[in-house]
Amino acid sequence: MEVQVNGEDISPEEFLEGMDWCTIGSKTQVNRANAQSNTQNGAPSCTGEGADFNRQRSRRQPRNIKQQAIRKSKMPLLPRSDFKIVIRPRGGLDVATTETVRLASAIYRAANVPAHEAGEDTVCSNNHQIIIVVSTPHVSHADKYRQLQAITIGDRHHEVSAYKTAPTLR
């Protein structure tokens, strides 16, 4: 490959010498040597408008997937002093398509917690982990939620398992 710059003939080595950004991703001398030999052998080079973007995207993609999974699995900040009960639905209950308000009212009904007392309790659904978390400052409510074995939404009866989370150490 011959390249002319300002009327001078230069070799491919001289041309690639100023293109150090192509081999930044190489971590070893062997990879750098392979990258240079590939461009000398006529293999497609890493130049061009989209080359740098594609390389960055391929490096970022695994991190983005990991960050998305972490973000989806996190629950909203709940008071540290509250008791947290995790409810795992079974029997075909789809947490993602069921409104949180309907889930909350079904949980309150099944646990026999009056509506005026349930005002301090918080119900959050996590569609990624397919769980429902109930946060309450009252021990009696926490015990009632923990003992749940089934909830009824509409005319369908769904089995659930519930457990109290470990207290936070901070």
N, C-alpha and C. Protein backbone atom coordinates (compact mmCIF):
# COMPACT_ATOMS: atom_id res chain seq x y z
N MET A 1 0.84 -1.18 0.00
CA MET A 1 0.00 0.00 0.00
C MET A 1 0.89 1.24 0.00
N GLU A 2 0.68 2.10 -0.93
CA GLU A 2 1.44 3.34 -1.04
C GLU A 2 0.52 4.50 -0.69
N VAL A 3 1.05 5.44 0.07
CA VAL A 3 0.28 6.62 0.46
C VAL A 3 1.11 7.85 0.17
N GLN A 4 0.50 8.85 -0.41
CA GLN A 4 1.22 10.08 -0.70
C GLN A 4 0.75 11.17 0.25
N VAL A 5 1.73 11.86 0.82
CA VAL A 5 1.43 12.99 1.69
C VAL A 5 2.26 14.16 1.21
N ASN A 6 1.62 15.22 0.82
CA ASN A 6 2.30 16.42 0.32
C ASN A 6 3.33 16.07 -0.75
N GLY A 7 3.00 15.16 -1.61
CA GLY A 7 3.87 14.82 -2.71
C GLY A 7 4.99 13.86 -2.38
N GLU A 8 5.11 13.41 -1.13
CA GLU A 8 6.17 12.46 -0.77
C GLU A 8 5.60 11.05 -0.72
N ASP A 9 6.39 10.09 -1.15
CA ASP A 9 6.00 8.69 -1.01
C ASP A 9 6.42 8.20 0.37
N ILE A 10 5.47 7.53 1.07
CA ILE A 10 5.80 6.96 2.38
C ILE A 10 5.38 5.50 2.40
N SER A 11 6.03 4.74 3.24
CA SER A 11 5.72 3.32 3.34
C SER A 11 4.53 3.11 4.27
N PRO A 12 3.92 1.91 4.21
CA PRO A 12 2.81 1.62 5.12
C PRO A 12 3.21 1.71 6.59
N GLU A 13 4.45 1.35 6.92
CA GLU A 13 4.90 1.43 8.31
C GLU A 13 4.90 2.87 8.79
N GLU A 14 5.37 3.77 7.93
CA GLU A 14 5.39 5.18 8.30
C GLU A 14 3.97 5.72 8.44
N PHE A 15 3.08 5.24 7.58
CA PHE A 15 1.69 5.69 7.64
C PHE A 15 1.03 5.22 8.93
N LEU A 16 1.24 3.94 9.28
CA LEU A 16 0.61 3.39 10.49
C LEU A 16 1.26 3.90 11.77
N GLU A 17 2.47 4.42 11.67
CA GLU A 17 3.17 4.92 12.85
C GLU A 17 2.39 6.04 13.52
N GLY A 18 1.75 6.88 12.77
CA GLY A 18 0.96 7.98 13.32
C GLY A 18 -0.44 7.56 13.73
N MET A 19 -0.78 6.31 13.55
CA MET A 19 -2.12 5.81 13.83
C MET A 19 -2.14 5.00 15.12
N ASP A 20 -1.47 5.45 16.16
CA ASP A 20 -1.37 4.68 17.40
C ASP A 20 -2.72 4.41 18.04
N TRP A 21 -3.71 5.21 17.75
CA TRP A 21 -5.01 5.01 18.37
C TRP A 21 -5.64 3.68 17.96
N CYS A 22 -5.19 3.07 16.88
CA CYS A 22 -5.74 1.79 16.44
C CYS A 22 -5.37 0.64 17.37
N THR A 23 -4.24 0.73 18.02
CA THR A 23 -3.77 -0.39 18.82
C THR A 23 -3.83 -0.11 20.32
N ILE A 24 -4.55 0.88 20.74
CA ILE A 24 -4.65 1.20 22.16
C ILE A 24 -5.28 0.05 22.93
N GLY A 25 -6.22 -0.65 22.34
CA GLY A 25 -6.90 -1.75 23.03
C GLY A 25 -6.01 -2.95 23.27
N SER A 26 -4.88 -3.06 22.60
CA SER A 26 -3.99 -4.20 22.78
C SER A 26 -3.34 -4.14 24.14
N LYS A 27 -3.34 -5.26 24.85
CA LYS A 27 -2.77 -5.30 26.19
C LYS A 27 -1.39 -5.92 26.22
N THR A 28 -1.03 -6.62 25.17
CA THR A 28 0.28 -7.28 25.16
C THR A 28 1.02 -6.91 23.89
N GLN A 29 2.30 -7.14 23.92
CA GLN A 29 3.13 -6.88 22.75
C GLN A 29 2.72 -7.80 21.59
N VAL A 30 2.31 -9.02 21.91
CA VAL A 30 1.91 -9.98 20.87
C VAL A 30 0.70 -9.45 20.13
N ASN A 31 -0.29 -8.92 20.85
CA ASN A 31 -1.48 -8.38 20.19
C ASN A 31 -1.13 -7.20 19.31
N ARG A 32 -0.22 -6.36 19.76
CA ARG A 32 0.20 -5.22 18.95
C ARG A 32 0.89 -5.69 17.68
N ALA A 33 1.75 -6.69 17.82
CA ALA A 33 2.46 -7.22 16.65
C ALA A 33 1.46 -7.85 15.68
N ASN A 34 0.47 -8.58 16.19
CA ASN A 34 -0.54 -9.19 15.33
C ASN A 34 -1.36 -8.12 14.63
N ALA A 35 -1.69 -7.06 15.32
CA ALA A 35 -2.48 -5.98 14.72
C ALA A 35 -1.71 -5.33 13.58
N GLN A 36 -0.42 -5.11 13.79
CA GLN A 36 0.38 -4.50 12.73
C GLN A 36 0.56 -5.45 11.56
N SER A 37 0.76 -6.74 11.82
CA SER A 37 0.95 -7.68 10.71
C SER A 37 -0.34 -7.87 9.93
N ASN A 38 -1.49 -7.81 10.59
CA ASN A 38 -2.77 -7.94 9.88
C ASN A 38 -2.98 -6.78 8.92
N THR A 39 -2.63 -5.57 9.35
CA THR A 39 -2.81 -4.44 8.45
C THR A 39 -1.81 -4.49 7.31
N GLN A 40 -0.64 -5.05 7.54
CA GLN A 40 0.35 -5.15 6.47
C GLN A 40 -0.02 -6.26 5.49
N ASN A 41 -0.72 -7.29 5.96
CA ASN A 41 -1.09 -8.41 5.09
C ASN A 41 -2.35 -8.14 4.29
N GLY A 42 -2.88 -6.95 4.37
CA GLY A 42 -4.06 -6.63 3.58
C GLY A 42 -5.36 -6.88 4.32
N ALA A 43 -5.30 -7.24 5.57
CA ALA A 43 -6.52 -7.41 6.35
C ALA A 43 -7.14 -6.04 6.57
N PRO A 44 -8.44 -6.00 6.80
CA PRO A 44 -9.07 -4.70 7.00
C PRO A 44 -8.44 -3.98 8.18
N SER A 45 -8.16 -2.70 7.98
CA SER A 45 -7.53 -1.94 9.07
C SER A 45 -8.61 -1.40 9.98
N CYS A 46 -8.19 -0.82 11.08
CA CYS A 46 -9.15 -0.31 12.05
C CYS A 46 -9.39 1.17 11.83
N THR A 47 -9.18 1.65 10.61
CA THR A 47 -9.43 3.05 10.32
C THR A 47 -10.82 3.19 9.74
N GLY A 48 -11.29 4.39 9.61
CA GLY A 48 -12.61 4.64 9.07
C GLY A 48 -13.47 5.31 10.12
N GLU A 49 -14.56 5.89 9.66
CA GLU A 49 -15.40 6.66 10.57
C GLU A 49 -16.01 5.81 11.67
N GLY A 50 -16.53 4.65 11.36
CA GLY A 50 -17.23 3.85 12.35
C GLY A 50 -16.35 2.90 13.13
N ALA A 51 -15.09 2.77 12.76
CA ALA A 51 -14.23 1.76 13.40
C ALA A 51 -14.04 2.03 14.88
N ASP A 52 -13.73 3.27 15.23
CA ASP A 52 -13.49 3.60 16.64
C ASP A 52 -14.78 3.45 17.44
N PHE A 53 -15.92 3.88 16.87
CA PHE A 53 -17.20 3.77 17.56
C PHE A 53 -17.57 2.31 17.80
N ASN A 54 -17.39 1.46 16.78
CA ASN A 54 -17.72 0.04 16.94
C ASN A 54 -16.86 -0.61 18.01
N ARG A 55 -15.59 -0.26 18.06
CA ARG A 55 -14.70 -0.83 19.06
C ARG A 55 -15.14 -0.39 20.46
N GLN A 56 -15.48 0.89 20.61
CA GLN A 56 -15.93 1.38 21.92
C GLN A 56 -17.24 0.72 22.32
N ARG A 57 -18.15 0.55 21.37
CA ARG A 57 -19.43 -0.06 21.68
C ARG A 57 -19.26 -1.50 22.13
N SER A 58 -18.36 -2.24 21.47
CA SER A 58 -18.16 -3.64 21.86
C SER A 58 -17.54 -3.74 23.24
N ARG A 59 -16.73 -2.76 23.61
CA ARG A 59 -16.16 -2.77 24.96
C ARG A 59 -17.19 -2.38 26.00
N ARG A 60 -18.08 -1.46 25.67
CA ARG A 60 -19.07 -0.97 26.63
C ARG A 60 -20.22 -1.93 26.82
N GLN A 61 -20.56 -2.69 25.83
CA GLN A 61 -21.76 -3.50 25.87
C GLN A 61 -21.84 -4.44 27.07
N PRO A 62 -20.80 -5.23 27.40
CA PRO A 62 -20.93 -6.10 28.57
C PRO A 62 -21.14 -5.31 29.86
N ARG A 63 -20.49 -4.18 29.99
CA ARG A 63 -20.66 -3.37 31.19
C ARG A 63 -22.09 -2.84 31.26
N ASN A 64 -22.64 -2.40 30.13
CA ASN A 64 -24.00 -1.88 30.12
C ASN A 64 -25.00 -2.96 30.51
N ILE A 65 -24.81 -4.17 30.03
CA ILE A 65 -25.72 -5.26 30.38
C ILE A 65 -25.65 -5.53 31.87
N LYS A 66 -24.45 -5.54 32.41
CA LYS A 66 -24.29 -5.77 33.85
C LYS A 66 -24.95 -4.65 34.64
N GLN A 67 -24.73 -3.41 34.22
CA GLN A 67 -25.32 -2.28 34.92
C GLN A 67 -26.84 -2.31 34.83
N GLN A 68 -27.38 -2.71 33.69
CA GLN A 68 -28.83 -2.80 33.55
C GLN A 68 -29.40 -3.84 34.49
N ALA A 69 -28.73 -4.99 34.59
CA ALA A 69 -29.21 -6.04 35.49
C ALA A 69 -29.17 -5.57 36.94
N ILE A 70 -28.11 -4.89 37.32
CA ILE A 70 -28.01 -4.39 38.69
C ILE A 70 -29.08 -3.35 38.95
N ARG A 71 -29.27 -2.44 38.00
CA ARG A 71 -30.26 -1.38 38.16
C ARG A 71 -31.67 -1.97 38.28
N LYS A 72 -31.97 -2.97 37.46
CA LYS A 72 -33.30 -3.57 37.49
C LYS A 72 -33.56 -4.35 38.77
N SER A 73 -32.51 -4.92 39.34
CA SER A 73 -32.71 -5.75 40.52
C SER A 73 -32.76 -4.95 41.81
N LYS A 74 -32.37 -3.69 41.77
CA LYS A 74 -32.38 -2.88 42.99
C LYS A 74 -33.79 -2.38 43.29
N MET A 75 -34.09 -2.37 44.57
CA MET A 75 -35.37 -1.85 45.03
C MET A 75 -35.19 -0.38 45.40
N PRO A 76 -36.29 0.38 45.46
CA PRO A 76 -36.17 1.77 45.90
C PRO A 76 -35.71 1.82 47.35
N LEU A 77 -35.17 2.95 47.74
CA LEU A 77 -34.70 3.10 49.11
C LEU A 77 -35.88 3.04 50.06
N LEU A 78 -35.82 2.12 50.99
CA LEU A 78 -36.85 1.96 52.01
C LEU A 78 -36.24 2.31 53.36
N PRO A 79 -37.04 2.77 54.31
CA PRO A 79 -36.48 3.14 55.62
C PRO A 79 -35.71 1.98 56.25
N ARG A 80 -34.53 2.29 56.78
CA ARG A 80 -33.68 1.26 57.39
C ARG A 80 -34.33 0.62 58.60
N SER A 81 -35.09 1.40 59.34
CA SER A 81 -35.68 0.88 60.57
C SER A 81 -36.88 -0.02 60.32
N ASP A 82 -37.42 0.01 59.10
CA ASP A 82 -38.59 -0.82 58.79
C ASP A 82 -38.22 -2.29 58.68
N PHE A 83 -39.23 -3.12 58.88
CA PHE A 83 -39.10 -4.56 58.64
C PHE A 83 -39.44 -4.78 57.17
N LYS A 84 -38.64 -5.58 56.49
CA LYS A 84 -38.88 -5.87 55.07
C LYS A 84 -39.23 -7.33 54.90
N ILE A 85 -40.33 -7.57 54.21
CA ILE A 85 -40.80 -8.92 53.95
C ILE A 85 -40.80 -9.11 52.43
N VAL A 86 -40.15 -10.17 51.99
CA VAL A 86 -40.11 -10.51 50.56
C VAL A 86 -41.19 -11.55 50.30
N ILE A 87 -42.02 -11.28 49.33
CA ILE A 87 -43.10 -12.20 48.95
C ILE A 87 -42.80 -12.70 47.55
N ARG A 88 -42.67 -14.02 47.43
CA ARG A 88 -42.42 -14.66 46.13
C ARG A 88 -43.71 -15.30 45.64
N PRO A 89 -44.27 -14.75 44.56
CA PRO A 89 -45.51 -15.33 44.04
C PRO A 89 -45.26 -16.65 43.32
N ARG A 90 -46.21 -17.55 43.47
CA ARG A 90 -46.20 -18.82 42.73
C ARG A 90 -47.57 -18.99 42.10
N GLY A 91 -47.71 -19.97 41.31
CA GLY A 91 -49.03 -20.26 40.75
C GLY A 91 -49.44 -19.33 39.63
N GLY A 92 -48.48 -18.80 38.87
CA GLY A 92 -48.82 -18.05 37.66
C GLY A 92 -49.06 -16.57 37.84
N LEU A 93 -48.82 -16.00 39.00
CA LEU A 93 -49.00 -14.56 39.18
C LEU A 93 -47.86 -13.82 38.49
N ASP A 94 -48.21 -12.95 37.55
CA ASP A 94 -47.21 -12.18 36.81
C ASP A 94 -47.10 -10.80 37.44
N VAL A 95 -46.02 -10.58 38.17
CA VAL A 95 -45.81 -9.33 38.88
C VAL A 95 -45.65 -8.17 37.90
N ALA A 96 -45.07 -8.43 36.74
CA ALA A 96 -44.80 -7.37 35.77
C ALA A 96 -46.09 -6.77 35.19
N THR A 97 -47.10 -7.58 35.00
CA THR A 97 -48.33 -7.08 34.38
C THR A 97 -49.40 -6.69 35.39
N THR A 98 -49.23 -7.09 36.63
CA THR A 98 -50.21 -6.75 37.67
C THR A 98 -49.83 -5.42 38.30
N GLU A 99 -50.78 -4.52 38.40
CA GLU A 99 -50.52 -3.20 38.98
C GLU A 99 -50.15 -3.34 40.45
N THR A 100 -49.23 -2.50 40.89
CA THR A 100 -48.76 -2.54 42.28
C THR A 100 -49.89 -2.24 43.25
N VAL A 101 -50.82 -1.38 42.87
CA VAL A 101 -51.96 -1.06 43.75
C VAL A 101 -52.81 -2.31 43.98
N ARG A 102 -53.04 -3.08 42.93
CA ARG A 102 -53.82 -4.32 43.08
C ARG A 102 -53.07 -5.34 43.93
N LEU A 103 -51.74 -5.43 43.73
CA LEU A 103 -50.93 -6.33 44.55
C LEU A 103 -51.01 -5.92 46.02
N ALA A 104 -50.87 -4.62 46.28
CA ALA A 104 -50.88 -4.12 47.66
C ALA A 104 -52.22 -4.40 48.33
N SER A 105 -53.32 -4.11 47.65
CA SER A 105 -54.63 -4.34 48.28
C SER A 105 -54.86 -5.83 48.52
N ALA A 106 -54.39 -6.68 47.60
CA ALA A 106 -54.54 -8.13 47.80
C ALA A 106 -53.71 -8.60 48.98
N ILE A 107 -52.51 -8.05 49.14
CA ILE A 107 -51.65 -8.43 50.27
C ILE A 107 -52.26 -7.95 51.58
N TYR A 108 -52.75 -6.72 51.62
CA TYR A 108 -53.38 -6.20 52.85
C TYR A 108 -54.59 -7.05 53.24
N ARG A 109 -55.40 -7.39 52.25
CA ARG A 109 -56.59 -8.22 52.51
C ARG A 109 -56.20 -9.59 53.04
N ALA A 110 -55.22 -10.23 52.39
CA ALA A 110 -54.81 -11.58 52.79
C ALA A 110 -54.18 -11.59 54.17
N ALA A 111 -53.50 -10.50 54.55
CA ALA A 111 -52.83 -10.43 55.85
C ALA A 111 -53.75 -9.87 56.94
N ASN A 112 -54.97 -9.49 56.58
CA ASN A 112 -55.93 -8.90 57.52
C ASN A 112 -55.38 -7.63 58.16
N VAL A 113 -54.76 -6.80 57.36
CA VAL A 113 -54.28 -5.49 57.83
C VAL A 113 -55.30 -4.46 57.36
N PRO A 114 -55.95 -3.75 58.29
CA PRO A 114 -56.96 -2.74 57.90
C PRO A 114 -56.34 -1.64 57.04
N ALA A 115 -57.14 -1.10 56.14
CA ALA A 115 -56.65 -0.09 55.20
C ALA A 115 -56.11 1.15 55.92
N HIS A 116 -56.75 1.56 57.02
CA HIS A 116 -56.29 2.75 57.72
C HIS A 116 -54.95 2.51 58.44
N GLU A 117 -54.63 1.25 58.76
CA GLU A 117 -53.34 0.92 59.38
C GLU A 117 -52.25 0.65 58.34
N ALA A 118 -52.66 0.29 57.15
CA ALA A 118 -51.70 -0.06 56.10
C ALA A 118 -51.08 1.16 55.44
N GLY A 119 -51.50 2.35 55.84
CA GLY A 119 -50.99 3.58 55.24
C GLY A 119 -49.49 3.77 55.42
N GLU A 120 -48.93 3.24 56.49
CA GLU A 120 -47.49 3.39 56.74
C GLU A 120 -46.68 2.30 56.06
N ASP A 121 -47.33 1.29 55.53
CA ASP A 121 -46.64 0.18 54.87
C ASP A 121 -46.39 0.53 53.40
N THR A 122 -45.28 0.06 52.88
CA THR A 122 -44.92 0.32 51.49
C THR A 122 -44.80 -1.01 50.75
N VAL A 123 -45.43 -1.08 49.58
CA VAL A 123 -45.36 -2.29 48.75
C VAL A 123 -44.66 -1.93 47.45
N CYS A 124 -43.62 -2.68 47.12
CA CYS A 124 -42.85 -2.47 45.88
C CYS A 124 -42.77 -3.80 45.14
N SER A 125 -43.01 -3.76 43.84
CA SER A 125 -42.82 -4.98 43.05
C SER A 125 -41.53 -4.85 42.27
N ASN A 126 -40.82 -5.96 42.13
CA ASN A 126 -39.59 -6.00 41.36
C ASN A 126 -39.82 -6.98 40.21
N ASN A 127 -40.05 -6.43 39.03
CA ASN A 127 -40.38 -7.25 37.87
C ASN A 127 -39.21 -8.11 37.41
N HIS A 128 -38.00 -7.65 37.65
CA HIS A 128 -36.81 -8.39 37.21
C HIS A 128 -36.61 -9.65 38.05
N GLN A 129 -36.78 -9.54 39.36
CA GLN A 129 -36.60 -10.69 40.25
C GLN A 129 -37.90 -11.42 40.53
N ILE A 130 -39.01 -10.89 40.04
CA ILE A 130 -40.34 -11.47 40.23
C ILE A 130 -40.65 -11.64 41.72
N ILE A 131 -40.50 -10.55 42.46
CA ILE A 131 -40.81 -10.55 43.89
C ILE A 131 -41.60 -9.30 44.24
N ILE A 132 -42.19 -9.32 45.41
CA ILE A 132 -42.87 -8.17 45.98
C ILE A 132 -42.23 -7.94 47.34
N VAL A 133 -41.87 -6.70 47.64
CA VAL A 133 -41.28 -6.37 48.94
C VAL A 133 -42.24 -5.46 49.68
N VAL A 134 -42.54 -5.83 50.92
CA VAL A 134 -43.39 -5.02 51.77
C VAL A 134 -42.51 -4.48 52.90
N SER A 135 -42.54 -3.18 53.09
CA SER A 135 -41.77 -2.53 54.16
C SER A 135 -42.76 -1.95 55.15
N THR A 136 -42.57 -2.26 56.43
CA THR A 136 -43.48 -1.78 57.46
C THR A 136 -42.72 -1.46 58.75
N PRO A 137 -43.13 -0.41 59.46
CA PRO A 137 -42.49 -0.11 60.74
C PRO A 137 -43.09 -0.92 61.90
N HIS A 138 -44.18 -1.63 61.66
CA HIS A 138 -44.89 -2.35 62.72
C HIS A 138 -44.53 -3.83 62.73
N VAL A 139 -44.15 -4.33 63.90
CA VAL A 139 -43.80 -5.75 64.05
C VAL A 139 -45.01 -6.63 63.77
N SER A 140 -46.17 -6.22 64.25
CA SER A 140 -47.38 -7.04 64.06
C SER A 140 -47.71 -7.19 62.58
N HIS A 141 -47.56 -6.11 61.81
CA HIS A 141 -47.81 -6.19 60.37
C HIS A 141 -46.78 -7.10 59.70
N ALA A 142 -45.52 -6.97 60.11
CA ALA A 142 -44.46 -7.79 59.52
C ALA A 142 -44.75 -9.27 59.75
N ASP A 143 -45.20 -9.62 60.95
CA ASP A 143 -45.53 -11.02 61.23
C ASP A 143 -46.70 -11.51 60.38
N LYS A 144 -47.70 -10.65 60.19
CA LYS A 144 -48.84 -11.03 59.36
C LYS A 144 -48.42 -11.24 57.90
N TYR A 145 -47.59 -10.34 57.39
CA TYR A 145 -47.13 -10.48 56.00
C TYR A 145 -46.26 -11.72 55.83
N ARG A 146 -45.44 -12.01 56.83
CA ARG A 146 -44.54 -13.17 56.76
C ARG A 146 -45.32 -14.48 56.74
N GLN A 147 -46.49 -14.50 57.34
CA GLN A 147 -47.29 -15.73 57.41
C GLN A 147 -48.19 -15.94 56.19
N LEU A 148 -48.12 -15.04 55.22
CA LEU A 148 -48.96 -15.18 54.02
C LEU A 148 -48.62 -16.47 53.28
N GLN A 149 -49.67 -17.14 52.83
CA GLN A 149 -49.48 -18.34 52.01
C GLN A 149 -50.18 -18.22 50.66
N ALA A 150 -51.12 -17.29 50.56
CA ALA A 150 -51.84 -17.09 49.30
C ALA A 150 -52.46 -15.70 49.28
N ILE A 151 -52.60 -15.16 48.07
CA ILE A 151 -53.32 -13.90 47.87
C ILE A 151 -54.30 -14.09 46.73
N THR A 152 -55.36 -13.28 46.75
CA THR A 152 -56.38 -13.37 45.71
C THR A 152 -56.42 -12.05 44.95
N ILE A 153 -56.23 -12.13 43.65
CA ILE A 153 -56.30 -10.96 42.78
C ILE A 153 -57.41 -11.22 41.77
N GLY A 154 -58.43 -10.38 41.84
CA GLY A 154 -59.60 -10.62 41.01
C GLY A 154 -60.29 -11.88 41.49
N ASP A 155 -60.47 -12.83 40.60
CA ASP A 155 -61.08 -14.11 40.99
C ASP A 155 -60.05 -15.24 41.03
N ARG A 156 -58.77 -14.88 40.89
CA ARG A 156 -57.72 -15.90 40.88
C ARG A 156 -57.00 -15.97 42.21
N HIS A 157 -56.76 -17.17 42.65
CA HIS A 157 -56.08 -17.46 43.91
C HIS A 157 -54.64 -17.84 43.60
N HIS A 158 -53.66 -17.13 44.18
CA HIS A 158 -52.24 -17.37 43.90
C HIS A 158 -51.51 -17.72 45.18
N GLU A 159 -50.76 -18.81 45.14
CA GLU A 159 -49.93 -19.16 46.28
C GLU A 159 -48.71 -18.25 46.31
N VAL A 160 -48.25 -17.94 47.53
CA VAL A 160 -47.05 -17.14 47.70
C VAL A 160 -46.23 -17.72 48.84
N SER A 161 -44.95 -17.42 48.83
CA SER A 161 -44.12 -17.72 49.99
C SER A 161 -43.52 -16.39 50.44
N ALA A 162 -43.43 -16.20 51.74
CA ALA A 162 -42.96 -14.93 52.28
C ALA A 162 -41.92 -15.18 53.36
N TYR A 163 -40.95 -14.29 53.42
CA TYR A 163 -39.94 -14.37 54.47
C TYR A 163 -39.46 -12.98 54.82
N LYS A 164 -38.99 -12.84 56.05
CA LYS A 164 -38.47 -11.58 56.55
C LYS A 164 -36.99 -11.49 56.18
N THR A 165 -36.56 -10.33 55.72
CA THR A 165 -35.15 -10.17 55.36
C THR A 165 -34.31 -9.97 56.61
N ALA A 166 -33.03 -10.19 56.47
CA ALA A 166 -32.11 -9.97 57.58
C ALA A 166 -32.03 -8.47 57.86
N PRO A 167 -31.90 -8.09 59.13
CA PRO A 167 -31.80 -6.66 59.44
C PRO A 167 -30.49 -6.08 58.91
N THR A 168 -30.53 -4.81 58.55
CA THR A 168 -29.31 -4.15 58.08
C THR A 168 -28.41 -3.87 59.26
N LEU A 169 -27.12 -3.95 59.03
CA LEU A 169 -26.16 -3.80 60.11
C LEU A 169 -25.77 -2.35 60.36
N ARG A 170 -26.09 -1.47 59.45
CA ARG A 170 -25.69 -0.07 59.63
C ARG A 170 -26.70 0.69 60.40
